[in-house]
Protein backbone atom coordinates (compact mmCIF):
# COMPACT_ATOMS: atom_id res chain seq x y z
CA MET A 1 4.48 27.89 -6.06
CA ARG A 2 1.56 28.24 -3.61
CA ILE A 3 -0.21 24.91 -3.30
CA SER A 4 -3.25 24.17 -1.15
CA LEU A 5 -4.58 20.77 -0.15
CA VAL A 6 -8.20 20.45 0.95
CA ILE A 7 -8.63 17.28 2.98
CA ASN A 8 -12.24 16.10 3.16
CA THR A 9 -11.87 12.60 4.59
CA ASN A 10 -10.98 10.83 7.81
CA ASN A 11 -9.61 7.75 6.03
CA PRO A 12 -6.25 7.12 7.75
CA GLU A 13 -4.35 6.12 4.60
CA LYS A 14 -5.67 9.02 2.50
CA VAL A 15 -4.95 11.62 5.19
CA TRP A 16 -1.51 10.16 5.89
CA ASN A 17 -0.66 10.29 2.18
CA ALA A 18 -2.01 13.85 1.93
CA PHE A 19 0.35 15.00 4.67
CA ARG A 20 3.23 13.00 3.14
CA LEU A 21 2.59 14.89 -0.10
CA ALA A 22 2.41 18.19 1.78
CA VAL A 23 5.80 17.46 3.39
CA ALA A 24 7.33 16.54 0.04
CA LEU A 25 6.01 19.76 -1.47
CA ILE A 26 7.54 21.85 1.32
CA LEU A 27 10.85 20.05 0.92
CA ALA A 28 10.64 20.92 -2.80
CA LYS A 29 10.45 24.59 -1.72
CA HIS A 30 6.72 25.17 -2.30
CA GLU A 31 4.47 27.16 0.04
CA VAL A 32 1.84 24.69 1.25
CA LYS A 33 -1.40 25.17 3.16
CA VAL A 34 -3.90 22.53 4.23
CA PHE A 35 -7.59 23.17 4.82
CA LEU A 36 -9.52 20.52 6.76
CA LEU A 37 -13.12 20.24 5.60
CA GLY A 38 -15.95 17.84 6.47
CA ALA A 39 -14.64 14.64 8.01
CA GLY A 40 -11.12 15.99 7.49
CA VAL A 41 -11.46 18.05 10.68
CA GLU A 42 -11.22 14.77 12.58
CA VAL A 43 -7.50 14.61 11.69
CA GLU A 44 -6.36 14.91 15.31
CA ASN A 45 -8.33 11.79 16.24
CA ILE A 46 -7.51 9.60 13.24
CA ARG A 47 -5.88 6.36 14.29
CA GLY A 48 -4.62 3.70 11.94
CA ASP A 49 -2.41 0.71 12.65
CA LYS A 50 -0.24 1.32 9.58
CA PHE A 51 -0.61 5.09 9.18
CA ASP A 52 0.69 7.54 11.78
CA VAL A 53 -1.36 10.55 10.69
CA ARG A 54 -0.49 12.61 13.75
CA ALA A 55 3.27 12.21 13.24
CA GLU A 56 3.07 13.14 9.56
CA MET A 57 0.90 16.18 10.33
CA GLU A 58 3.35 17.31 13.02
CA ARG A 59 6.23 16.89 10.57
CA PHE A 60 4.35 19.12 8.12
CA LEU A 61 3.72 21.75 10.80
CA ASN A 62 7.34 21.64 12.01
CA LEU A 63 8.51 22.35 8.46
CA GLY A 64 6.42 25.52 8.42
CA GLY A 65 3.24 24.19 6.86
CA ASP A 66 -0.10 25.84 7.60
CA VAL A 67 -3.27 23.98 8.61
CA MET A 68 -6.75 25.47 8.96
CA ALA A 69 -9.94 23.71 10.03
CA CYS A 70 -13.53 24.50 9.07
CA GLY A 71 -15.26 25.86 12.17
CA THR A 72 -18.72 24.73 11.05
CA CYS A 73 -17.43 21.20 10.42
CA LEU A 74 -15.83 21.14 13.89
CA LYS A 75 -19.04 22.41 15.50
CA ILE A 76 -21.17 19.75 13.78
CA ARG A 77 -18.84 17.10 15.24
CA HIS A 78 -18.70 18.78 18.69
CA GLN A 79 -14.90 19.09 18.38
CA ASP A 80 -12.21 21.67 18.93
CA SER A 81 -8.87 21.90 17.19
CA THR A 82 -5.65 22.10 19.16
CA VAL A 83 -3.25 22.15 16.19
CA CYS A 84 -4.73 24.78 13.91
CA PRO A 85 -6.90 27.88 13.83
CA VAL A 86 -10.63 27.55 13.33
CA SER A 87 -11.51 28.97 9.93
CA THR A 88 -14.54 29.72 7.79
CA ILE A 89 -15.69 28.87 4.31
CA ASN A 90 -14.65 32.41 3.35
CA ASP A 91 -11.11 31.53 4.44
CA LEU A 92 -11.29 28.57 2.07
CA VAL A 93 -12.46 30.88 -0.74
CA ASN A 94 -9.47 33.14 -0.04
CA LEU A 95 -7.13 30.16 0.03
CA ILE A 96 -8.39 28.98 -3.36
CA GLU A 97 -8.13 32.47 -4.85
CA THR A 98 -4.55 32.95 -3.68
CA SER A 99 -3.23 29.49 -4.58
CA ASP A 100 -1.51 28.52 -7.80
CA LYS A 101 -2.85 24.99 -7.46
CA VAL A 102 -5.53 23.42 -5.26
CA LEU A 103 -5.77 19.68 -4.65
CA PHE A 104 -8.90 18.13 -3.10
CA ILE A 105 -8.33 14.89 -1.22
CA GLY A 106 -11.37 12.97 -0.11
């Protein structure tokens, strides 16, 4: 099954759990893509004492997961992404259209 997660938060626990879910889905043999939207594009800078977001995201990527980040959202925050391609809202539309299920986490 093709499953997409749209992460629209920079809350460490929520983002950490989103990537934990993404990893579990890949291990269950699903094709998983993540789209970072809004505050979600801050994923590379999220720090939490209890939640190692970066490690969980890297685990997802190492398992073959795909991450895309909203270019407009990055620009608003004066950020660049080093872990994923900069994408557009049209890429998100395409992702939604080609997914069997879409989960929004925010």
